[in-house]
Amino acid sequence: MEGFRGLRAAVDDTAGGSGGVAEYVSIRVQVRPNESLEAALRRFKRQVNYAGIYRQVKRNAYFEKRSDRRRREARERVRNIQRALRKSLQGG
């Protein structure tokens, strides 16, 4: 394990309909002294999850037509508005 420096991830978002512009998200986890590989891998997975890379990979696994993407985004907007309304009603 002497040569092991850290874990990294990068995502190429060219299939996401962004006009061919690649978006790279680089995540690095430095293995701390006396830290097990399992603990470093757990931290890496957590950061990948927080960065939304899993979601991005799932979304780009298949081509999505522009009309379908608009429809999905509209549903997500409605869902987010409803969630915000519920939170504001509960908190107030």
N, C-alpha and C. Protein backbone atom coordinates (compact mmCIF):
# COMPACT_ATOMS: atom_id res chain seq x y z
N MET A 1 0.81 -1.20 0.00
CA MET A 1 0.00 0.00 0.00
C MET A 1 0.85 1.26 0.00
N GLU A 2 2.15 1.11 -0.15
CA GLU A 2 3.04 2.26 -0.09
C GLU A 2 2.75 3.26 -1.22
N GLY A 3 2.43 2.77 -2.42
CA GLY A 3 2.24 3.65 -3.54
C GLY A 3 0.85 4.24 -3.64
N PHE A 4 -0.06 3.85 -2.77
CA PHE A 4 -1.44 4.30 -2.83
C PHE A 4 -1.55 5.71 -2.28
N ARG A 5 -1.98 6.65 -3.13
CA ARG A 5 -2.05 8.05 -2.70
C ARG A 5 -3.48 8.50 -2.41
N GLY A 6 -4.43 8.08 -3.18
CA GLY A 6 -5.80 8.53 -2.96
C GLY A 6 -6.74 7.99 -4.02
N LEU A 7 -8.00 8.34 -3.90
CA LEU A 7 -9.03 7.90 -4.82
C LEU A 7 -9.53 9.12 -5.59
N ARG A 8 -9.80 8.94 -6.89
CA ARG A 8 -10.28 10.05 -7.70
C ARG A 8 -11.41 9.60 -8.59
N ALA A 9 -12.30 10.53 -8.94
CA ALA A 9 -13.39 10.24 -9.88
C ALA A 9 -13.55 11.43 -10.81
N ALA A 10 -13.90 11.16 -12.05
CA ALA A 10 -14.19 12.24 -13.00
C ALA A 10 -15.35 11.77 -13.87
N VAL A 11 -16.23 12.70 -14.22
CA VAL A 11 -17.39 12.37 -15.04
C VAL A 11 -17.36 13.23 -16.29
N ASP A 12 -17.57 12.61 -17.43
CA ASP A 12 -17.64 13.33 -18.70
C ASP A 12 -19.11 13.44 -19.06
N ASP A 13 -19.64 14.65 -19.12
CA ASP A 13 -21.07 14.87 -19.33
C ASP A 13 -21.36 15.28 -20.77
N THR A 14 -20.74 14.63 -21.75
CA THR A 14 -20.98 15.02 -23.13
C THR A 14 -22.29 14.46 -23.64
N ALA A 15 -22.80 13.37 -23.07
CA ALA A 15 -24.04 12.76 -23.55
C ALA A 15 -25.27 13.39 -22.92
N GLY A 16 -25.09 14.36 -22.06
CA GLY A 16 -26.21 14.95 -21.35
C GLY A 16 -26.93 16.03 -22.10
N GLY A 17 -26.63 16.23 -23.37
CA GLY A 17 -27.33 17.24 -24.13
C GLY A 17 -26.81 18.64 -23.85
N SER A 18 -25.58 18.75 -23.41
CA SER A 18 -25.02 20.06 -23.07
C SER A 18 -24.34 20.70 -24.26
N GLY A 19 -24.66 20.27 -25.46
CA GLY A 19 -24.07 20.86 -26.64
C GLY A 19 -22.65 20.40 -26.89
N GLY A 20 -22.28 19.24 -26.37
CA GLY A 20 -20.95 18.72 -26.59
C GLY A 20 -19.90 19.26 -25.64
N VAL A 21 -20.32 20.04 -24.66
CA VAL A 21 -19.37 20.59 -23.70
C VAL A 21 -19.22 19.60 -22.57
N ALA A 22 -17.99 19.22 -22.28
CA ALA A 22 -17.74 18.24 -21.22
C ALA A 22 -17.65 18.96 -19.88
N GLU A 23 -18.29 18.38 -18.89
CA GLU A 23 -18.23 18.90 -17.53
C GLU A 23 -17.52 17.86 -16.69
N TYR A 24 -16.40 18.23 -16.11
CA TYR A 24 -15.64 17.29 -15.31
C TYR A 24 -15.78 17.64 -13.84
N VAL A 25 -16.12 16.65 -13.05
CA VAL A 25 -16.19 16.81 -11.61
C VAL A 25 -15.09 15.93 -11.05
N SER A 26 -14.14 16.53 -10.41
CA SER A 26 -13.01 15.77 -9.89
C SER A 26 -13.12 15.68 -8.38
N ILE A 27 -13.12 14.48 -7.88
CA ILE A 27 -13.21 14.24 -6.44
C ILE A 27 -11.94 13.52 -6.03
N ARG A 28 -11.30 14.04 -5.04
CA ARG A 28 -10.08 13.41 -4.53
C ARG A 28 -10.22 13.19 -3.04
N VAL A 29 -9.76 12.04 -2.62
CA VAL A 29 -9.74 11.70 -1.20
C VAL A 29 -8.33 11.26 -0.86
N GLN A 30 -7.67 12.00 -0.01
CA GLN A 30 -6.34 11.63 0.44
C GLN A 30 -6.47 10.65 1.60
N VAL A 31 -5.75 9.57 1.52
CA VAL A 31 -5.77 8.59 2.60
C VAL A 31 -4.94 9.14 3.75
N ARG A 32 -5.57 9.24 4.89
CA ARG A 32 -4.92 9.81 6.06
C ARG A 32 -3.96 8.79 6.69
N PRO A 33 -3.01 9.29 7.46
CA PRO A 33 -2.12 8.34 8.15
C PRO A 33 -2.92 7.44 9.08
N ASN A 34 -2.59 6.18 9.10
CA ASN A 34 -3.25 5.17 9.94
C ASN A 34 -4.74 5.01 9.62
N GLU A 35 -5.15 5.39 8.40
CA GLU A 35 -6.55 5.21 8.01
C GLU A 35 -6.65 3.95 7.15
N SER A 36 -7.65 3.15 7.41
CA SER A 36 -7.81 1.93 6.61
C SER A 36 -8.33 2.29 5.22
N LEU A 37 -8.09 1.40 4.29
CA LEU A 37 -8.57 1.61 2.93
C LEU A 37 -10.09 1.64 2.89
N GLU A 38 -10.73 0.83 3.73
CA GLU A 38 -12.19 0.80 3.77
C GLU A 38 -12.75 2.15 4.20
N ALA A 39 -12.12 2.78 5.18
CA ALA A 39 -12.60 4.09 5.65
C ALA A 39 -12.42 5.14 4.55
N ALA A 40 -11.29 5.10 3.85
CA ALA A 40 -11.06 6.05 2.76
C ALA A 40 -12.06 5.82 1.64
N LEU A 41 -12.35 4.58 1.34
CA LEU A 41 -13.32 4.26 0.30
C LEU A 41 -14.72 4.74 0.69
N ARG A 42 -15.06 4.60 1.97
CA ARG A 42 -16.35 5.11 2.47
C ARG A 42 -16.45 6.62 2.28
N ARG A 43 -15.37 7.34 2.63
CA ARG A 43 -15.37 8.79 2.45
C ARG A 43 -15.50 9.15 0.97
N PHE A 44 -14.79 8.40 0.12
CA PHE A 44 -14.85 8.65 -1.31
C PHE A 44 -16.27 8.45 -1.84
N LYS A 45 -16.90 7.35 -1.47
CA LYS A 45 -18.27 7.07 -1.93
C LYS A 45 -19.24 8.14 -1.46
N ARG A 46 -19.06 8.61 -0.25
CA ARG A 46 -19.93 9.66 0.30
C ARG A 46 -19.78 10.95 -0.51
N GLN A 47 -18.55 11.31 -0.83
CA GLN A 47 -18.33 12.54 -1.61
C GLN A 47 -18.85 12.41 -3.03
N VAL A 48 -18.71 11.23 -3.63
CA VAL A 48 -19.26 11.00 -4.97
C VAL A 48 -20.77 11.13 -4.93
N ASN A 49 -21.39 10.61 -3.89
CA ASN A 49 -22.84 10.69 -3.75
C ASN A 49 -23.28 12.13 -3.57
N TYR A 50 -22.61 12.89 -2.72
CA TYR A 50 -22.96 14.28 -2.48
C TYR A 50 -22.78 15.13 -3.73
N ALA A 51 -21.79 14.81 -4.55
CA ALA A 51 -21.53 15.58 -5.76
C ALA A 51 -22.57 15.29 -6.85
N GLY A 52 -23.37 14.25 -6.68
CA GLY A 52 -24.41 13.93 -7.64
C GLY A 52 -23.92 13.15 -8.84
N ILE A 53 -22.79 12.49 -8.70
CA ILE A 53 -22.23 11.76 -9.84
C ILE A 53 -23.06 10.53 -10.16
N TYR A 54 -23.56 9.83 -9.14
CA TYR A 54 -24.40 8.65 -9.40
C TYR A 54 -25.63 9.04 -10.21
N ARG A 55 -26.24 10.14 -9.81
CA ARG A 55 -27.43 10.63 -10.50
C ARG A 55 -27.10 10.97 -11.95
N GLN A 56 -25.97 11.64 -12.14
CA GLN A 56 -25.55 12.04 -13.47
C GLN A 56 -25.28 10.83 -14.36
N VAL A 57 -24.64 9.83 -13.82
CA VAL A 57 -24.34 8.62 -14.59
C VAL A 57 -25.63 7.90 -14.96
N LYS A 58 -26.56 7.80 -14.03
CA LYS A 58 -27.83 7.15 -14.32
C LYS A 58 -28.60 7.93 -15.39
N ARG A 59 -28.57 9.24 -15.29
CA ARG A 59 -29.31 10.07 -16.25
C ARG A 59 -28.71 9.95 -17.65
N ASN A 60 -27.38 9.80 -17.73
CA ASN A 60 -26.72 9.75 -19.03
C ASN A 60 -26.52 8.33 -19.53
N ALA A 61 -27.09 7.34 -18.86
CA ALA A 61 -26.92 5.96 -19.30
C ALA A 61 -27.62 5.73 -20.65
N TYR A 62 -28.73 6.41 -20.87
CA TYR A 62 -29.47 6.30 -22.12
C TYR A 62 -29.76 7.70 -22.64
N PHE A 63 -29.91 7.81 -23.94
CA PHE A 63 -30.23 9.09 -24.54
C PHE A 63 -31.63 9.50 -24.14
N GLU A 64 -31.80 10.77 -23.81
CA GLU A 64 -33.10 11.30 -23.43
C GLU A 64 -33.48 12.39 -24.43
N LYS A 65 -34.63 12.22 -25.06
CA LYS A 65 -35.08 13.21 -26.02
C LYS A 65 -35.30 14.54 -25.32
N ARG A 66 -35.18 15.62 -26.07
CA ARG A 66 -35.32 16.94 -25.50
C ARG A 66 -36.71 17.13 -24.88
N SER A 67 -37.75 16.64 -25.55
CA SER A 67 -39.11 16.79 -25.02
C SER A 67 -39.27 16.02 -23.71
N ASP A 68 -38.67 14.83 -23.65
CA ASP A 68 -38.75 14.05 -22.41
C ASP A 68 -37.99 14.73 -21.29
N ARG A 69 -36.83 15.33 -21.64
CA ARG A 69 -36.06 16.03 -20.62
C ARG A 69 -36.84 17.23 -20.08
N ARG A 70 -37.48 17.98 -20.96
CA ARG A 70 -38.30 19.13 -20.52
C ARG A 70 -39.44 18.67 -19.60
N ARG A 71 -40.08 17.57 -19.99
CA ARG A 71 -41.18 17.05 -19.19
C ARG A 71 -40.69 16.62 -17.81
N ARG A 72 -39.55 15.92 -17.77
CA ARG A 72 -39.00 15.48 -16.49
C ARG A 72 -38.61 16.66 -15.62
N GLU A 73 -37.96 17.66 -16.23
CA GLU A 73 -37.55 18.83 -15.46
C GLU A 73 -38.74 19.60 -14.93
N ALA A 74 -39.83 19.66 -15.72
CA ALA A 74 -41.05 20.33 -15.24
C ALA A 74 -41.63 19.58 -14.04
N ARG A 75 -41.64 18.26 -14.12
CA ARG A 75 -42.14 17.47 -12.97
C ARG A 75 -41.26 17.69 -11.75
N GLU A 76 -39.94 17.77 -11.96
CA GLU A 76 -39.04 18.00 -10.82
C GLU A 76 -39.27 19.37 -10.21
N ARG A 77 -39.52 20.39 -11.07
CA ARG A 77 -39.80 21.73 -10.54
C ARG A 77 -41.06 21.73 -9.69
N VAL A 78 -42.12 21.07 -10.19
CA VAL A 78 -43.37 21.00 -9.43
C VAL A 78 -43.15 20.30 -8.11
N ARG A 79 -42.39 19.21 -8.13
CA ARG A 79 -42.11 18.46 -6.91
C ARG A 79 -41.33 19.31 -5.91
N ASN A 80 -40.34 20.06 -6.40
CA ASN A 80 -39.56 20.91 -5.51
C ASN A 80 -40.40 22.04 -4.92
N ILE A 81 -41.30 22.61 -5.72
CA ILE A 81 -42.18 23.68 -5.21
C ILE A 81 -43.11 23.12 -4.15
N GLN A 82 -43.70 21.94 -4.40
CA GLN A 82 -44.59 21.33 -3.43
C GLN A 82 -43.86 20.99 -2.14
N ARG A 83 -42.64 20.50 -2.27
CA ARG A 83 -41.84 20.17 -1.07
C ARG A 83 -41.55 21.44 -0.27
N ALA A 84 -41.20 22.53 -0.96
CA ALA A 84 -40.91 23.79 -0.27
C ALA A 84 -42.17 24.33 0.42
N LEU A 85 -43.31 24.18 -0.24
CA LEU A 85 -44.57 24.63 0.38
C LEU A 85 -44.87 23.82 1.65
N ARG A 86 -44.68 22.50 1.57
CA ARG A 86 -44.94 21.66 2.74
C ARG A 86 -44.03 22.06 3.90
N LYS A 87 -42.75 22.30 3.59
CA LYS A 87 -41.81 22.69 4.63
C LYS A 87 -42.18 24.03 5.25
N SER A 88 -42.61 24.99 4.39
CA SER A 88 -42.95 26.31 4.92
C SER A 88 -44.22 26.24 5.76
N LEU A 89 -45.15 25.37 5.39
CA LEU A 89 -46.38 25.23 6.19
C LEU A 89 -46.12 24.53 7.51
N GLN A 90 -45.22 23.57 7.51
CA GLN A 90 -44.89 22.87 8.76
C GLN A 90 -44.11 23.77 9.70
N GLY A 91 -43.20 24.56 9.16
CA GLY A 91 -42.36 25.40 9.99
C GLY A 91 -43.07 26.63 10.49
N GLY A 92 -44.15 27.05 9.85
CA GLY A 92 -44.81 28.32 10.20
C GLY A 92 -45.94 28.12 11.08
